[in-house]
N, C-alpha and C. Protein backbone atom coordinates (compact mmCIF):
# COMPACT_ATOMS: atom_id res chain seq x y z
N MET A 1 0.85 -1.18 0.00
CA MET A 1 0.00 0.00 0.00
C MET A 1 0.90 1.25 0.00
N ARG A 2 0.57 2.20 -0.84
CA ARG A 2 1.34 3.44 -0.94
C ARG A 2 1.07 4.32 0.28
N VAL A 3 2.04 5.16 0.60
CA VAL A 3 1.92 6.06 1.74
C VAL A 3 0.67 6.93 1.61
N GLU A 4 0.41 7.41 0.41
CA GLU A 4 -0.74 8.28 0.18
C GLU A 4 -2.05 7.55 0.49
N GLU A 5 -2.08 6.27 0.22
CA GLU A 5 -3.29 5.49 0.50
C GLU A 5 -3.40 5.15 1.98
N GLU A 6 -2.28 4.77 2.57
CA GLU A 6 -2.28 4.36 3.97
C GLU A 6 -2.62 5.52 4.91
N TYR A 7 -2.16 6.70 4.58
CA TYR A 7 -2.35 7.86 5.45
C TYR A 7 -3.25 8.92 4.82
N SER A 8 -4.16 8.52 3.97
CA SER A 8 -5.01 9.49 3.28
C SER A 8 -5.80 10.36 4.25
N ASN A 9 -6.27 9.79 5.34
CA ASN A 9 -7.04 10.56 6.32
C ASN A 9 -6.20 11.67 6.94
N VAL A 10 -4.97 11.34 7.32
CA VAL A 10 -4.07 12.33 7.92
C VAL A 10 -3.74 13.41 6.89
N LEU A 11 -3.44 13.00 5.68
CA LEU A 11 -3.10 13.96 4.64
C LEU A 11 -4.28 14.89 4.32
N GLN A 12 -5.49 14.34 4.34
CA GLN A 12 -6.68 15.17 4.11
C GLN A 12 -6.86 16.17 5.24
N ASN A 13 -6.57 15.77 6.47
CA ASN A 13 -6.67 16.69 7.60
C ASN A 13 -5.66 17.83 7.48
N ILE A 14 -4.45 17.49 7.06
CA ILE A 14 -3.43 18.53 6.86
C ILE A 14 -3.86 19.47 5.75
N GLU A 15 -4.34 18.92 4.65
CA GLU A 15 -4.81 19.74 3.54
C GLU A 15 -5.95 20.66 3.98
N SER A 16 -6.87 20.14 4.75
CA SER A 16 -7.99 20.93 5.24
C SER A 16 -7.51 22.09 6.12
N ALA A 17 -6.53 21.81 6.97
CA ALA A 17 -5.98 22.87 7.82
C ALA A 17 -5.33 23.96 6.98
N ILE A 18 -4.62 23.57 5.93
CA ILE A 18 -3.98 24.55 5.05
C ILE A 18 -5.04 25.41 4.36
N VAL A 19 -6.08 24.80 3.85
CA VAL A 19 -7.15 25.53 3.17
C VAL A 19 -7.84 26.49 4.14
N THR A 20 -8.07 26.04 5.37
CA THR A 20 -8.71 26.90 6.37
C THR A 20 -7.87 28.15 6.65
N VAL A 21 -6.56 27.96 6.78
CA VAL A 21 -5.68 29.11 7.02
C VAL A 21 -5.68 30.02 5.80
N TYR A 22 -5.62 29.44 4.62
CA TYR A 22 -5.61 30.25 3.40
C TYR A 22 -6.90 31.07 3.27
N ASP A 23 -8.03 30.47 3.63
CA ASP A 23 -9.30 31.19 3.53
C ASP A 23 -9.30 32.45 4.40
N SER A 24 -8.64 32.38 5.56
CA SER A 24 -8.62 33.56 6.43
C SER A 24 -7.38 34.43 6.20
N SER A 25 -6.38 33.90 5.50
CA SER A 25 -5.14 34.64 5.23
C SER A 25 -4.68 34.36 3.80
N PRO A 26 -5.30 35.01 2.82
CA PRO A 26 -4.96 34.73 1.42
C PRO A 26 -3.51 35.04 1.05
N GLU A 27 -2.80 35.76 1.91
CA GLU A 27 -1.40 36.06 1.63
C GLU A 27 -0.49 34.85 1.91
N LEU A 28 -1.06 33.75 2.40
CA LEU A 28 -0.31 32.52 2.64
C LEU A 28 0.35 32.08 1.34
N VAL A 29 1.64 31.75 1.41
CA VAL A 29 2.37 31.31 0.22
C VAL A 29 2.94 29.91 0.46
N ASP A 30 3.39 29.29 -0.61
CA ASP A 30 3.89 27.92 -0.55
C ASP A 30 5.00 27.74 0.48
N ARG A 31 5.91 28.71 0.57
CA ARG A 31 7.03 28.55 1.51
C ARG A 31 6.53 28.52 2.96
N ASP A 32 5.43 29.23 3.25
CA ASP A 32 4.85 29.19 4.60
C ASP A 32 4.30 27.79 4.90
N VAL A 33 3.62 27.22 3.93
CA VAL A 33 3.06 25.88 4.09
C VAL A 33 4.17 24.85 4.23
N LEU A 34 5.18 24.95 3.39
CA LEU A 34 6.31 24.03 3.45
C LEU A 34 7.00 24.12 4.81
N SER A 35 7.20 25.31 5.31
CA SER A 35 7.82 25.49 6.62
C SER A 35 6.99 24.84 7.73
N ALA A 36 5.68 25.00 7.65
CA ALA A 36 4.79 24.40 8.65
C ALA A 36 4.83 22.88 8.58
N ILE A 37 4.85 22.33 7.39
CA ILE A 37 4.89 20.87 7.23
C ILE A 37 6.23 20.32 7.71
N GLU A 38 7.31 21.02 7.42
CA GLU A 38 8.62 20.58 7.91
C GLU A 38 8.67 20.62 9.44
N SER A 39 8.10 21.65 10.04
CA SER A 39 8.05 21.74 11.50
C SER A 39 7.23 20.60 12.10
N LEU A 40 6.11 20.31 11.47
CA LEU A 40 5.27 19.20 11.93
C LEU A 40 6.03 17.89 11.84
N ASP A 41 6.72 17.67 10.73
CA ASP A 41 7.50 16.46 10.55
C ASP A 41 8.56 16.33 11.64
N THR A 42 9.25 17.41 11.93
CA THR A 42 10.28 17.40 12.97
C THR A 42 9.67 17.08 14.33
N ARG A 43 8.54 17.72 14.64
CA ARG A 43 7.89 17.47 15.94
C ARG A 43 7.44 16.02 16.06
N LEU A 44 6.86 15.47 15.01
CA LEU A 44 6.38 14.09 15.06
C LEU A 44 7.54 13.11 15.17
N ARG A 45 8.61 13.36 14.44
CA ARG A 45 9.78 12.48 14.53
C ARG A 45 10.39 12.55 15.92
N THR A 46 10.48 13.73 16.48
CA THR A 46 11.04 13.90 17.82
C THR A 46 10.15 13.20 18.84
N ARG A 47 8.85 13.32 18.70
CA ARG A 47 7.93 12.66 19.62
C ARG A 47 8.08 11.15 19.52
N GLU A 48 8.23 10.65 18.29
CA GLU A 48 8.40 9.21 18.09
C GLU A 48 9.69 8.73 18.76
N GLU A 49 10.76 9.48 18.63
CA GLU A 49 12.02 9.11 19.25
C GLU A 49 11.90 9.14 20.77
N LYS A 50 11.24 10.16 21.31
CA LYS A 50 11.08 10.26 22.76
C LYS A 50 10.21 9.13 23.30
N SER A 51 9.23 8.67 22.52
CA SER A 51 8.34 7.62 23.00
C SER A 51 9.06 6.28 23.14
N ARG A 52 10.24 6.18 22.59
CA ARG A 52 11.03 4.95 22.75
C ARG A 52 11.64 4.86 24.14
N TRP A 53 11.68 6.00 24.84
CA TRP A 53 12.22 5.99 26.19
C TRP A 53 11.26 5.23 27.10
N ARG A 54 11.74 4.80 28.21
CA ARG A 54 10.93 4.03 29.14
C ARG A 54 9.69 4.79 29.57
N HIS A 55 9.84 6.06 29.90
CA HIS A 55 8.70 6.88 30.34
C HIS A 55 8.46 8.02 29.35
N GLY A 56 8.65 7.72 28.08
CA GLY A 56 8.54 8.76 27.05
C GLY A 56 7.23 9.50 27.05
N ASP A 57 6.12 8.79 27.28
CA ASP A 57 4.81 9.45 27.25
C ASP A 57 4.68 10.45 28.40
N ALA A 58 5.28 10.16 29.53
CA ALA A 58 5.19 11.07 30.67
C ALA A 58 6.11 12.28 30.48
N VAL A 59 7.20 12.07 29.77
CA VAL A 59 8.18 13.13 29.60
C VAL A 59 7.81 14.06 28.46
N TRP A 60 7.34 13.48 27.39
CA TRP A 60 7.07 14.26 26.18
C TRP A 60 5.60 14.60 26.07
N PRO A 61 5.24 15.89 26.15
CA PRO A 61 3.82 16.25 26.03
C PRO A 61 3.30 15.98 24.62
N SER A 62 2.05 15.68 24.55
CA SER A 62 1.48 15.39 23.23
C SER A 62 1.48 16.65 22.37
N THR A 63 1.61 16.44 21.09
CA THR A 63 1.59 17.58 20.16
C THR A 63 0.16 17.97 19.88
N SER A 64 0.00 19.13 19.32
CA SER A 64 -1.34 19.58 19.01
C SER A 64 -1.99 18.67 17.98
N ARG A 65 -3.28 18.57 18.03
CA ARG A 65 -3.99 17.68 17.11
C ARG A 65 -4.02 18.24 15.70
N ILE A 66 -3.99 17.35 14.77
CA ILE A 66 -4.07 17.75 13.36
C ILE A 66 -5.52 17.76 12.95
């Protein structure tokens, strides 16, 4: 199964969030979106790494919902 198929729900939620921001801030440009997605990727990867610790869930606060 391709990544796009496996995570279509998550990707649709991200797309919806981008559209919502654009609707209220039409000056949004591609580099702003790319920066936000890169930040999200970094946060999720860091959270995944922290969760490998014995008490990772207690140490690492959950990230904001998508």
